[in-house]
């Protein structure tokens, strides 16, 4: 019995098309054997390969025609952003297209948004995301994109103004004033949004705290007038011995210089009113005599889809796409 053809290294750890396999000497008959499994029409992986979210996005991109461009929340996930459901995979196409693939959501438009080598640009994907996102989630995603320089406020604003008819354009314009390019994490952005939309003072984001000429660290959120620091404590702070030691030293420095601080945790974020109330009490203890938090209409808007400013809005709907012209050799940019 002849020995099976060896699996090329470049096909062992990623999704690939049948056309790629043929170019490397593997027929479709070989692909249908026990060493491979099909994930989409004409898209395969080695049986031992464990698919990541990035792999699934790559596989979906390979399965659809070239004129279908990765978009919406899937385009944001391709950047490494952990947000939204993994399925369906979103694509945008100009004109009509017909597909018969599971877990694909194709959005039709008359004019394509700006594109890059992966799909629609991150700025365009953010606008698309805003069409259905809650305000607090759009703030978190927008901050994330700005801090990592995947998009700029000017770029998003200009695109929303140029194509005001696109779903999400008017909503994105509402979000922009609330974005903070210095915010380094989704949880920091969430904490800031809760504080600001309750009516409390706006804290500084990720600033160096220097007291009497002594650098105490770069803090997540700072109420400088009251010397109150908010620090989000993620899992890395507890799981890394080195990070844990640094945190202890930093908090000791805060205490030495009479800087108050609150370590914000995920369970605290799940009770947002209680968290804001605690921040307010700490501010009052430090001399704050401004307005108390208000949990009314503005606060409630954080947890709802962003309202449109009105005007003609283009429709976005699922359409069928022809799977007979699969995309070749195009995956997610590293």
C-alpha atoms as a PDB file:
ATOM      1  CA  UNK A   1       0.000   0.000   0.000  1.00  0.00           C
ATOM      2  CA  UNK A   2       1.533   3.341  -1.004  1.00  0.00           C
ATOM      3  CA  UNK A   3       2.459   5.736   1.759  1.00  0.00           C
ATOM      4  CA  UNK A   4       0.158   8.771   2.050  1.00  0.00           C
ATOM      5  CA  UNK A   5       1.465  12.046   0.721  1.00  0.00           C
ATOM      6  CA  UNK A   6       3.046  14.153   3.464  1.00  0.00           C
ATOM      7  CA  UNK A   7       1.098  17.197   4.605  1.00  0.00           C
ATOM      8  CA  UNK A   8       2.904  20.393   3.554  1.00  0.00           C
ATOM      9  CA  UNK A   9       3.974  22.447   6.561  1.00  0.00           C
ATOM     10  CA  UNK A  10       2.110  25.516   5.312  1.00  0.00           C
ATOM     11  CA  UNK A  11      -1.195  23.606   5.429  1.00  0.00           C
ATOM     12  CA  UNK A  12      -0.768  21.912   8.799  1.00  0.00           C
ATOM     13  CA  UNK A  13      -1.743  24.790  11.066  1.00  0.00           C
ATOM     14  CA  UNK A  14      -4.254  26.984   9.258  1.00  0.00           C
ATOM     15  CA  UNK A  15      -7.361  26.856   7.071  1.00  0.00           C
ATOM     16  CA  UNK A  16      -6.731  26.563   3.342  1.00  0.00           C
ATOM     17  CA  UNK A  17      -8.661  26.202   0.107  1.00  0.00           C
ATOM     18  CA  UNK A  18      -8.855  23.148  -2.100  1.00  0.00           C
ATOM     19  CA  UNK A  19      -7.099  25.218  -4.767  1.00  0.00           C
ATOM     20  CA  UNK A  20      -4.144  25.838  -2.437  1.00  0.00           C
ATOM     21  CA  UNK A  21      -3.948  22.129  -1.668  1.00  0.00           C
ATOM     22  CA  UNK A  22      -3.977  21.215  -5.369  1.00  0.00           C
ATOM     23  CA  UNK A  23      -1.146  23.653  -6.014  1.00  0.00           C
ATOM     24  CA  UNK A  24       0.887  21.772  -3.401  1.00  0.00           C
ATOM     25  CA  UNK A  25       0.080  18.343  -4.829  1.00  0.00           C
ATOM     26  CA  UNK A  26      -2.903  17.310  -2.697  1.00  0.00           C
ATOM     27  CA  UNK A  27      -6.022  16.324  -4.607  1.00  0.00           C
ATOM     28  CA  UNK A  28      -9.567  16.773  -3.341  1.00  0.00           C
ATOM     29  CA  UNK A  29      -9.698  13.002  -2.906  1.00  0.00           C
ATOM     30  CA  UNK A  30      -6.824  13.279  -0.427  1.00  0.00           C
ATOM     31  CA  UNK A  31      -8.617  16.103   1.381  1.00  0.00           C
ATOM     32  CA  UNK A  32     -11.670  13.898   1.781  1.00  0.00           C
ATOM     33  CA  UNK A  33      -9.564  11.336   3.619  1.00  0.00           C
ATOM     34  CA  UNK A  34      -9.213  10.951   7.358  1.00  0.00           C
ATOM     35  CA  UNK A  35      -6.354  13.442   7.747  1.00  0.00           C
ATOM     36  CA  UNK A  36      -8.430  16.522   6.917  1.00  0.00           C
ATOM     37  CA  UNK A  37     -11.813  17.995   7.701  1.00  0.00           C
ATOM     38  CA  UNK A  38     -13.883  20.515   5.813  1.00  0.00           C
ATOM     39  CA  UNK A  39     -14.964  23.665   7.663  1.00  0.00           C
ATOM     40  CA  UNK A  40     -16.666  25.468   4.759  1.00  0.00           C
ATOM     41  CA  UNK A  41     -17.251  24.723   1.092  1.00  0.00           C
ATOM     42  CA  UNK A  42     -13.779  24.199  -0.411  1.00  0.00           C
ATOM     43  CA  UNK A  43     -12.072  25.234   2.833  1.00  0.00           C
ATOM     44  CA  UNK A  44     -10.226  22.610   4.839  1.00  0.00           C
ATOM     45  CA  UNK A  45      -7.969  22.148   7.866  1.00  0.00           C
ATOM     46  CA  UNK A  46      -5.793  19.350   9.147  1.00  0.00           C
ATOM     47  CA  UNK A  47      -7.733  17.086  11.508  1.00  0.00           C
ATOM     48  CA  UNK A  48      -5.399  17.871  14.437  1.00  0.00           C
ATOM     49  CA  UNK A  49      -5.587  21.634  14.057  1.00  0.00           C
ATOM     50  CA  UNK A  50      -7.563  23.392  16.797  1.00  0.00           C
ATOM     51  CA  UNK A  51      -9.445  26.307  15.277  1.00  0.00           C
ATOM     52  CA  UNK A  52      -9.115  29.713  16.941  1.00  0.00           C
ATOM     53  CA  UNK A  53     -11.444  32.669  16.411  1.00  0.00           C
ATOM     54  CA  UNK A  54      -8.894  34.095  13.976  1.00  0.00           C
ATOM     55  CA  UNK A  55      -8.808  30.783  12.095  1.00  0.00           C
ATOM     56  CA  UNK A  56     -12.588  30.761  11.738  1.00  0.00           C
ATOM     57  CA  UNK A  57     -12.548  34.307  10.378  1.00  0.00           C
ATOM     58  CA  UNK A  58      -9.817  33.320   7.935  1.00  0.00           C
ATOM     59  CA  UNK A  59     -11.789  30.251   6.855  1.00  0.00           C
ATOM     60  CA  UNK A  60     -14.948  32.285   6.333  1.00  0.00           C
ATOM     61  CA  UNK A  61     -13.008  34.824   4.261  1.00  0.00           C
ATOM     62  CA  UNK A  62     -11.617  32.036   2.095  1.00  0.00           C
ATOM     63  CA  UNK A  63     -15.072  30.551   1.558  1.00  0.00           C
ATOM     64  CA  UNK A  64     -16.781  33.632   0.125  1.00  0.00           C
ATOM     65  CA  UNK A  65     -16.161  35.346  -3.217  1.00  0.00           C
ATOM     66  CA  UNK A  66     -13.569  38.096  -3.542  1.00  0.00           C
ATOM     67  CA  UNK A  67     -16.195  40.789  -3.796  1.00  0.00           C
ATOM     68  CA  UNK A  68     -17.530  40.004  -0.324  1.00  0.00           C
ATOM     69  CA  UNK A  69     -15.485  42.028   2.182  1.00  0.00           C
ATOM     70  CA  UNK A  70     -15.037  41.231   5.871  1.00  0.00           C
ATOM     71  CA  UNK A  71     -17.054  43.787   7.838  1.00  0.00           C
ATOM     72  CA  UNK A  72     -18.996  44.804  10.931  1.00  0.00           C
ATOM     73  CA  UNK A  73     -18.114  43.096  14.219  1.00  0.00           C
ATOM     74  CA  UNK A  74     -16.222  40.302  12.421  1.00  0.00           C
ATOM     75  CA  UNK A  75     -13.781  42.862  10.995  1.00  0.00           C
ATOM     76  CA  UNK A  76     -13.210  44.198  14.502  1.00  0.00           C
ATOM     77  CA  UNK A  77     -12.635  40.679  15.821  1.00  0.00           C
ATOM     78  CA  UNK A  78     -10.028  40.167  13.105  1.00  0.00           C
ATOM     79  CA  UNK A  79      -8.013  42.925  14.804  1.00  0.00           C
ATOM     80  CA  UNK A  80      -7.940  40.864  17.995  1.00  0.00           C
ATOM     81  CA  UNK A  81     -10.824  42.620  19.727  1.00  0.00           C
ATOM     82  CA  UNK A  82     -12.842  40.267  21.926  1.00  0.00           C
ATOM     83  CA  UNK A  83     -16.329  41.655  21.390  1.00  0.00           C
ATOM     84  CA  UNK A  84     -19.656  40.331  20.171  1.00  0.00           C
ATOM     85  CA  UNK A  85     -20.720  36.845  19.077  1.00  0.00           C
ATOM     86  CA  UNK A  86     -18.341  34.826  16.923  1.00  0.00           C
ATOM     87  CA  UNK A  87     -21.114  33.893  14.491  1.00  0.00           C
ATOM     88  CA  UNK A  88     -22.459  34.760  12.044  1.00  0.00           C
ATOM     89  CA  UNK A  89     -19.487  36.052  10.068  1.00  0.00           C
ATOM     90  CA  UNK A  90     -20.244  39.438   8.543  1.00  0.00           C
ATOM     91  CA  UNK A  91     -19.366  40.551   5.025  1.00  0.00           C
ATOM     92  CA  UNK A  92     -20.344  43.555   2.916  1.00  0.00           C
ATOM     93  CA  UNK A  93     -20.882  43.447  -0.842  1.00  0.00           C
ATOM     94  CA  UNK A  94     -21.779  45.996  -3.496  1.00  0.00           C
ATOM     95  CA  UNK A  95     -24.886  44.985  -5.426  1.00  0.00           C
ATOM     96  CA  UNK A  96     -26.449  41.532  -5.458  1.00  0.00           C
ATOM     97  CA  UNK A  97     -24.677  38.354  -4.443  1.00  0.00           C
ATOM     98  CA  UNK A  98     -26.014  34.893  -3.662  1.00  0.00           C
ATOM     99  CA  UNK A  99     -24.501  32.463  -1.183  1.00  0.00           C
ATOM    100  CA  UNK A 100     -25.558  29.166   0.356  1.00  0.00           C
ATOM    101  CA  UNK A 101     -23.190  28.968   3.325  1.00  0.00           C
ATOM    102  CA  UNK A 102     -24.146  28.571   6.957  1.00  0.00           C
ATOM    103  CA  UNK A 103     -23.196  31.241   9.497  1.00  0.00           C
ATOM    104  CA  UNK A 104     -22.687  33.981   6.900  1.00  0.00           C
ATOM    105  CA  UNK A 105     -24.405  37.382   7.131  1.00  0.00           C
ATOM    106  CA  UNK A 106     -23.937  39.408   3.958  1.00  0.00           C
ATOM    107  CA  UNK A 107     -24.812  43.111   3.983  1.00  0.00           C
ATOM    108  CA  UNK A 108     -25.684  44.723   0.674  1.00  0.00           C
ATOM    109  CA  UNK A 109     -24.760  48.304  -0.206  1.00  0.00           C
ATOM    110  CA  UNK A 110     -24.769  50.403  -3.354  1.00  0.00           C
ATOM    111  CA  UNK A 111     -21.345  51.910  -2.597  1.00  0.00           C
ATOM    112  CA  UNK A 112     -18.661  50.048  -0.667  1.00  0.00           C
ATOM    113  CA  UNK A 113     -17.100  51.719   2.381  1.00  0.00           C
ATOM    114  CA  UNK A 114     -13.305  52.200   2.416  1.00  0.00           C
ATOM    115  CA  UNK A 115     -11.407  48.908   2.169  1.00  0.00           C
ATOM    116  CA  UNK A 116      -8.006  47.592   3.185  1.00  0.00           C
ATOM    117  CA  UNK A 117      -6.222  44.289   2.598  1.00  0.00           C
ATOM    118  CA  UNK A 118      -8.454  42.463   5.108  1.00  0.00           C
ATOM    119  CA  UNK A 119     -11.908  43.927   4.514  1.00  0.00           C
ATOM    120  CA  UNK A 120     -13.569  47.223   5.290  1.00  0.00           C
ATOM    121  CA  UNK A 121     -11.305  49.579   7.224  1.00  0.00           C
ATOM    122  CA  UNK A 122     -11.503  49.558  11.032  1.00  0.00           C
ATOM    123  CA  UNK A 123     -13.102  53.019  10.931  1.00  0.00           C
ATOM    124  CA  UNK A 124     -15.784  51.749   8.548  1.00  0.00           C
ATOM    125  CA  UNK A 125     -16.314  48.650  10.696  1.00  0.00           C
ATOM    126  CA  UNK A 126     -16.756  50.851  13.769  1.00  0.00           C
ATOM    127  CA  UNK A 127     -19.484  52.832  12.033  1.00  0.00           C
ATOM    128  CA  UNK A 128     -21.183  49.571  11.052  1.00  0.00           C
ATOM    129  CA  UNK A 129     -20.874  48.331  14.637  1.00  0.00           C
ATOM    130  CA  UNK A 130     -22.508  51.490  15.987  1.00  0.00           C
ATOM    131  CA  UNK A 131     -25.657  50.784  13.978  1.00  0.00           C
ATOM    132  CA  UNK A 132     -26.764  48.143  16.506  1.00  0.00           C
ATOM    133  CA  UNK A 133     -24.427  48.501  19.510  1.00  0.00           C
ATOM    134  CA  UNK A 134     -25.289  49.784  22.948  1.00  0.00           C
ATOM    135  CA  UNK A 135     -23.684  53.138  23.676  1.00  0.00           C
ATOM    136  CA  UNK A 136     -21.416  51.766  26.401  1.00  0.00           C
ATOM    137  CA  UNK A 137     -20.137  49.024  24.087  1.00  0.00           C
ATOM    138  CA  UNK A 138     -19.504  51.507  21.265  1.00  0.00           C
ATOM    139  CA  UNK A 139     -17.487  53.681  23.651  1.00  0.00           C
ATOM    140  CA  UNK A 140     -15.389  50.697  24.705  1.00  0.00           C
ATOM    141  CA  UNK A 141     -14.763  49.572  21.115  1.00  0.00           C
ATOM    142  CA  UNK A 142     -14.039  53.110  19.923  1.00  0.00           C
ATOM    143  CA  UNK A 143     -11.495  53.675  22.689  1.00  0.00           C
ATOM    144  CA  UNK A 144      -9.841  50.358  21.865  1.00  0.00           C
ATOM    145  CA  UNK A 145      -9.453  51.282  18.193  1.00  0.00           C
ATOM    146  CA  UNK A 146      -8.119  54.754  18.945  1.00  0.00           C
ATOM    147  CA  UNK A 147      -5.560  53.641  21.531  1.00  0.00           C
ATOM    148  CA  UNK A 148      -4.137  51.016  19.167  1.00  0.00           C
ATOM    149  CA  UNK A 149      -4.184  53.487  16.268  1.00  0.00           C
ATOM    150  CA  UNK A 150      -6.422  51.357  14.071  1.00  0.00           C
ATOM    151  CA  UNK A 151      -8.544  54.453  13.503  1.00  0.00           C
ATOM    152  CA  UNK A 152      -8.664  58.122  14.450  1.00  0.00           C
ATOM    153  CA  UNK A 153     -11.498  60.369  15.548  1.00  0.00           C
ATOM    154  CA  UNK A 154     -10.973  62.497  12.438  1.00  0.00           C
ATOM    155  CA  UNK A 155     -11.112  59.446  10.161  1.00  0.00           C
ATOM    156  CA  UNK A 156     -14.348  58.185  11.700  1.00  0.00           C
ATOM    157  CA  UNK A 157     -15.927  61.649  11.717  1.00  0.00           C
ATOM    158  CA  UNK A 158     -15.015  62.339   8.092  1.00  0.00           C
ATOM    159  CA  UNK A 159     -16.335  58.970   6.922  1.00  0.00           C
ATOM    160  CA  UNK A 160     -19.593  59.408   8.841  1.00  0.00           C
ATOM    161  CA  UNK A 161     -19.998  62.908   7.377  1.00  0.00           C
ATOM    162  CA  UNK A 162     -19.127  61.789   3.844  1.00  0.00           C
ATOM    163  CA  UNK A 163     -21.624  58.903   3.859  1.00  0.00           C
ATOM    164  CA  UNK A 164     -24.359  59.973   6.297  1.00  0.00           C
ATOM    165  CA  UNK A 165     -26.748  57.454   4.735  1.00  0.00           C
ATOM    166  CA  UNK A 166     -24.772  54.441   5.957  1.00  0.00           C
ATOM    167  CA  UNK A 167     -26.226  52.445   8.860  1.00  0.00           C
ATOM    168  CA  UNK A 168     -24.337  53.563  11.949  1.00  0.00           C
ATOM    169  CA  UNK A 169     -23.104  56.911  10.601  1.00  0.00           C
ATOM    170  CA  UNK A 170     -25.362  59.086  12.729  1.00  0.00           C
ATOM    171  CA  UNK A 171     -24.869  56.813  15.746  1.00  0.00           C
ATOM    172  CA  UNK A 172     -21.079  56.997  15.389  1.00  0.00           C
ATOM    173  CA  UNK A 173     -21.241  60.788  15.419  1.00  0.00           C
ATOM    174  CA  UNK A 174     -23.057  60.586  18.753  1.00  0.00           C
ATOM    175  CA  UNK A 175     -20.337  58.341  20.191  1.00  0.00           C
ATOM    176  CA  UNK A 176     -17.277  60.344  19.114  1.00  0.00           C
ATOM    177  CA  UNK A 177     -17.462  63.050  21.827  1.00  0.00           C
ATOM    178  CA  UNK A 178     -17.321  60.334  24.482  1.00  0.00           C
ATOM    179  CA  UNK A 179     -14.197  58.543  23.223  1.00  0.00           C
ATOM    180  CA  UNK A 180     -10.832  58.680  24.988  1.00  0.00           C
ATOM    181  CA  UNK A 181      -7.740  57.761  22.912  1.00  0.00           C
ATOM    182  CA  UNK A 182      -5.652  57.212  26.063  1.00  0.00           C
ATOM    183  CA  UNK A 183      -7.820  54.406  27.443  1.00  0.00           C
ATOM    184  CA  UNK A 184      -5.871  51.160  27.302  1.00  0.00           C
ATOM    185  CA  UNK A 185      -8.507  48.533  28.012  1.00  0.00           C
ATOM    186  CA  UNK A 186     -12.192  47.817  27.547  1.00  0.00           C
ATOM    187  CA  UNK A 187     -12.745  47.691  31.305  1.00  0.00           C
ATOM    188  CA  UNK A 188     -11.068  51.052  31.871  1.00  0.00           C
ATOM    189  CA  UNK A 189     -13.334  52.546  29.220  1.00  0.00           C
ATOM    190  CA  UNK A 190     -16.376  50.942  30.813  1.00  0.00           C
ATOM    191  CA  UNK A 191     -15.471  52.319  34.233  1.00  0.00           C
ATOM    192  CA  UNK A 192     -14.958  55.825  32.847  1.00  0.00           C
ATOM    193  CA  UNK A 193     -18.251  55.757  30.955  1.00  0.00           C
ATOM    194  CA  UNK A 194     -20.168  54.725  34.075  1.00  0.00           C
ATOM    195  CA  UNK A 195     -18.640  57.553  36.086  1.00  0.00           C
ATOM    196  CA  UNK A 196     -19.151  60.238  33.436  1.00  0.00           C
ATOM    197  CA  UNK A 197     -22.711  59.296  32.487  1.00  0.00           C
ATOM    198  CA  UNK A 198     -23.734  59.406  36.144  1.00  0.00           C
ATOM    199  CA  UNK A 199     -22.811  63.083  36.185  1.00  0.00           C
ATOM    200  CA  UNK A 200     -19.644  62.812  38.268  1.00  0.00           C
ATOM    201  CA  UNK A 201     -16.489  64.680  37.166  1.00  0.00           C
ATOM    202  CA  UNK A 202     -14.576  63.359  34.160  1.00  0.00           C
ATOM    203  CA  UNK A 203     -11.377  61.617  35.299  1.00  0.00           C
ATOM    204  CA  UNK A 204      -8.076  61.772  33.437  1.00  0.00           C
ATOM    205  CA  UNK A 205      -7.169  58.534  31.643  1.00  0.00           C
ATOM    206  CA  UNK A 206      -3.792  56.825  31.875  1.00  0.00           C
ATOM    207  CA  UNK A 207      -1.742  59.688  33.229  1.00  0.00           C
ATOM    208  CA  UNK A 208       1.475  59.792  35.215  1.00  0.00           C
ATOM    209  CA  UNK A 209       0.790  60.599  38.842  1.00  0.00           C
ATOM    210  CA  UNK A 210       3.541  62.709  40.381  1.00  0.00           C
ATOM    211  CA  UNK A 211       3.264  63.923  43.972  1.00  0.00           C
ATOM    212  CA  UNK A 212       5.917  66.201  45.508  1.00  0.00           C
ATOM    213  CA  UNK A 213       8.256  65.315  42.676  1.00  0.00           C
ATOM    214  CA  UNK A 214       7.824  61.567  43.200  1.00  0.00           C
ATOM    215  CA  UNK A 215       6.450  59.438  40.349  1.00  0.00           C
ATOM    216  CA  UNK A 216       3.858  57.038  41.728  1.00  0.00           C
ATOM    217  CA  UNK A 217       2.943  55.350  38.462  1.00  0.00           C
ATOM    218  CA  UNK A 218       0.753  55.642  35.390  1.00  0.00           C
ATOM    219  CA  UNK A 219      -2.781  55.320  36.732  1.00  0.00           C
ATOM    220  CA  UNK A 220      -5.917  54.179  34.914  1.00  0.00           C
ATOM    221  CA  UNK A 221      -8.274  56.965  35.998  1.00  0.00           C
ATOM    222  CA  UNK A 222      -7.392  60.002  38.106  1.00  0.00           C
ATOM    223  CA  UNK A 223      -9.567  62.616  39.794  1.00  0.00           C
ATOM    224  CA  UNK A 224      -6.655  64.987  40.245  1.00  0.00           C
ATOM    225  CA  UNK A 225      -8.417  67.666  42.323  1.00  0.00           C
ATOM    226  CA  UNK A 226      -9.335  65.069  44.920  1.00  0.00           C
ATOM    227  CA  UNK A 227      -6.323  62.780  44.523  1.00  0.00           C
ATOM    228  CA  UNK A 228      -8.502  59.733  43.924  1.00  0.00           C
ATOM    229  CA  UNK A 229      -7.328  56.938  41.632  1.00  0.00           C
ATOM    230  CA  UNK A 230      -9.454  54.200  40.042  1.00  0.00           C
ATOM    231  CA  UNK A 231      -7.534  51.112  38.931  1.00  0.00           C
ATOM    232  CA  UNK A 232      -9.130  48.192  37.103  1.00  0.00           C
ATOM    233  CA  UNK A 233      -7.855  44.907  38.497  1.00  0.00           C
ATOM    234  CA  UNK A 234      -7.976  42.258  35.786  1.00  0.00           C
ATOM    235  CA  UNK A 235      -6.978  38.620  36.098  1.00  0.00           C
ATOM    236  CA  UNK A 236      -3.384  39.403  35.166  1.00  0.00           C
ATOM    237  CA  UNK A 237      -2.994  41.350  38.404  1.00  0.00           C
ATOM    238  CA  UNK A 238      -3.777  38.235  40.448  1.00  0.00           C
ATOM    239  CA  UNK A 239      -2.218  35.568  38.232  1.00  0.00           C
ATOM    240  CA  UNK A 240       1.172  37.232  37.685  1.00  0.00           C
ATOM    241  CA  UNK A 241       3.424  37.192  40.749  1.00  0.00           C
ATOM    242  CA  UNK A 242       5.546  39.954  39.230  1.00  0.00           C
ATOM    243  CA  UNK A 243       2.525  42.155  38.518  1.00  0.00           C
ATOM    244  CA  UNK A 244       1.106  41.454  41.967  1.00  0.00           C
ATOM    245  CA  UNK A 245       4.356  42.623  43.546  1.00  0.00           C
ATOM    246  CA  UNK A 246       4.384  45.797  41.464  1.00  0.00           C
ATOM    247  CA  UNK A 247       0.791  46.524  42.447  1.00  0.00           C
ATOM    248  CA  UNK A 248       1.596  46.168  46.151  1.00  0.00           C
ATOM    249  CA  UNK A 249       4.509  48.570  45.835  1.00  0.00           C
ATOM    250  CA  UNK A 250       2.465  51.097  43.884  1.00  0.00           C
ATOM    251  CA  UNK A 251      -0.446  51.059  46.323  1.00  0.00           C
ATOM    252  CA  UNK A 252       1.991  51.492  49.193  1.00  0.00           C
ATOM    253  CA  UNK A 253       3.296  54.565  47.386  1.00  0.00           C
ATOM    254  CA  UNK A 254      -0.246  55.899  47.079  1.00  0.00           C
ATOM    255  CA  UNK A 255      -0.803  55.493  50.818  1.00  0.00           C
ATOM    256  CA  UNK A 256       2.505  57.158  51.645  1.00  0.00           C
ATOM    257  CA  UNK A 257       1.433  60.240  49.685  1.00  0.00           C
ATOM    258  CA  UNK A 258      -2.195  60.227  50.907  1.00  0.00           C
ATOM    259  CA  UNK A 259      -3.573  59.286  47.493  1.00  0.00           C
ATOM    260  CA  UNK A 260      -6.898  57.461  47.788  1.00  0.00           C
ATOM    261  CA  UNK A 261      -7.527  54.588  45.409  1.00  0.00           C
ATOM    262  CA  UNK A 262     -10.235  52.121  44.462  1.00  0.00           C
ATOM    263  CA  UNK A 263      -9.442  48.771  42.889  1.00  0.00           C
ATOM    264  CA  UNK A 264     -12.271  48.144  40.426  1.00  0.00           C
ATOM    265  CA  UNK A 265     -13.075  44.496  39.677  1.00  0.00           C
ATOM    266  CA  UNK A 266     -15.349  42.808  37.174  1.00  0.00           C
ATOM    267  CA  UNK A 267     -17.960  41.904  39.834  1.00  0.00           C
ATOM    268  CA  UNK A 268     -18.079  45.602  40.753  1.00  0.00           C
ATOM    269  CA  UNK A 269     -18.700  46.529  37.111  1.00  0.00           C
ATOM    270  CA  UNK A 270     -21.632  44.127  37.106  1.00  0.00           C
ATOM    271  CA  UNK A 271     -23.259  46.361  39.740  1.00  0.00           C
ATOM    272  CA  UNK A 272     -22.663  49.739  38.080  1.00  0.00           C
ATOM    273  CA  UNK A 273     -24.861  51.883  40.333  1.00  0.00           C
ATOM    274  CA  UNK A 274     -23.194  50.526  43.455  1.00  0.00           C
ATOM    275  CA  UNK A 275     -19.774  51.181  41.910  1.00  0.00           C
ATOM    276  CA  UNK A 276     -20.631  54.774  41.024  1.00  0.00           C
ATOM    277  CA  UNK A 277     -22.079  55.305  44.490  1.00  0.00           C
ATOM    278  CA  UNK A 278     -18.839  54.131  46.041  1.00  0.00           C
ATOM    279  CA  UNK A 279     -16.780  56.431  43.810  1.00  0.00           C
ATOM    280  CA  UNK A 280     -19.018  59.337  44.814  1.00  0.00           C
ATOM    281  CA  UNK A 281     -18.602  58.611  48.521  1.00  0.00           C
ATOM    282  CA  UNK A 282     -14.828  58.499  48.148  1.00  0.00           C
ATOM    283  CA  UNK A 283     -14.863  61.802  46.263  1.00  0.00           C
ATOM    284  CA  UNK A 284     -16.953  63.403  49.020  1.00  0.00           C
ATOM    285  CA  UNK A 285     -14.483  62.123  51.615  1.00  0.00           C
ATOM    286  CA  UNK A 286     -11.767  63.945  49.644  1.00  0.00           C
ATOM    287  CA  UNK A 287     -13.656  67.237  49.552  1.00  0.00           C
ATOM    288  CA  UNK A 288     -15.908  66.939  46.500  1.00  0.00           C
ATOM    289  CA  UNK A 289     -19.077  69.006  46.940  1.00  0.00           C
ATOM    290  CA  UNK A 290     -20.507  68.811  43.426  1.00  0.00           C
ATOM    291  CA  UNK A 291     -23.649  67.114  42.133  1.00  0.00           C
ATOM    292  CA  UNK A 292     -24.511  63.614  43.245  1.00  0.00           C
ATOM    293  CA  UNK A 293     -24.792  60.805  40.679  1.00  0.00           C
ATOM    294  CA  UNK A 294     -28.007  60.820  38.681  1.00  0.00           C
ATOM    295  CA  UNK A 295     -29.337  57.510  37.371  1.00  0.00           C
ATOM    296  CA  UNK A 296     -31.910  58.853  34.963  1.00  0.00           C
ATOM    297  CA  UNK A 297     -32.248  59.245  31.199  1.00  0.00           C
ATOM    298  CA  UNK A 298     -28.595  59.967  30.391  1.00  0.00           C
ATOM    299  CA  UNK A 299     -27.434  57.054  32.529  1.00  0.00           C
ATOM    300  CA  UNK A 300     -29.982  54.699  30.965  1.00  0.00           C
ATOM    301  CA  UNK A 301     -28.813  55.655  27.464  1.00  0.00           C
ATOM    302  CA  UNK A 302     -25.539  53.825  28.135  1.00  0.00           C
ATOM    303  CA  UNK A 303     -27.294  50.483  28.129  1.00  0.00           C
ATOM    304  CA  UNK A 304     -29.459  50.991  25.046  1.00  0.00           C
ATOM    305  CA  UNK A 305     -28.793  51.006  21.299  1.00  0.00           C
ATOM    306  CA  UNK A 306     -27.593  54.402  20.099  1.00  0.00           C
ATOM    307  CA  UNK A 307     -30.470  56.413  18.620  1.00  0.00           C
ATOM    308  CA  UNK A 308     -30.218  57.670  15.065  1.00  0.00           C
ATOM    309  CA  UNK A 309     -30.246  61.376  14.309  1.00  0.00           C
ATOM    310  CA  UNK A 310     -32.803  60.710  11.564  1.00  0.00           C
ATOM    311  CA  UNK A 311     -32.486  61.098   7.817  1.00  0.00           C
ATOM    312  CA  UNK A 312     -32.348  58.545   5.051  1.00  0.00           C
ATOM    313  CA  UNK A 313     -30.667  55.378   6.242  1.00  0.00           C
ATOM    314  CA  UNK A 314     -29.619  52.596   3.894  1.00  0.00           C
ATOM    315  CA  UNK A 315     -31.014  49.159   4.566  1.00  0.00           C
ATOM    316  CA  UNK A 316     -28.855  46.208   5.511  1.00  0.00           C
ATOM    317  CA  UNK A 317     -30.193  42.715   5.049  1.00  0.00           C
ATOM    318  CA  UNK A 318     -29.142  39.117   4.587  1.00  0.00           C
ATOM    319  CA  UNK A 319     -28.847  38.090   0.960  1.00  0.00           C
ATOM    320  CA  UNK A 320     -27.805  34.920  -0.784  1.00  0.00           C
ATOM    321  CA  UNK A 321     -24.267  34.685  -2.138  1.00  0.00           C
ATOM    322  CA  UNK A 322     -22.909  32.411  -4.833  1.00  0.00           C
ATOM    323  CA  UNK A 323     -20.521  29.931  -3.225  1.00  0.00           C
ATOM    324  CA  UNK A 324     -19.214  28.752  -6.578  1.00  0.00           C
ATOM    325  CA  UNK A 325     -16.492  31.396  -6.659  1.00  0.00           C
ATOM    326  CA  UNK A 326     -14.553  30.923  -3.434  1.00  0.00           C
ATOM    327  CA  UNK A 327     -11.942  33.396  -2.289  1.00  0.00           C
ATOM    328  CA  UNK A 328      -8.359  32.206  -2.606  1.00  0.00           C
ATOM    329  CA  UNK A 329      -5.356  32.801  -0.446  1.00  0.00           C
ATOM    330  CA  UNK A 330      -6.818  35.650   1.565  1.00  0.00           C
ATOM    331  CA  UNK A 331      -6.848  35.499   5.323  1.00  0.00           C
ATOM    332  CA  UNK A 332      -6.681  37.682   8.387  1.00  0.00           C
ATOM    333  CA  UNK A 333      -3.851  40.154   8.595  1.00  0.00           C
ATOM    334  CA  UNK A 334      -1.514  39.422  11.543  1.00  0.00           C
END
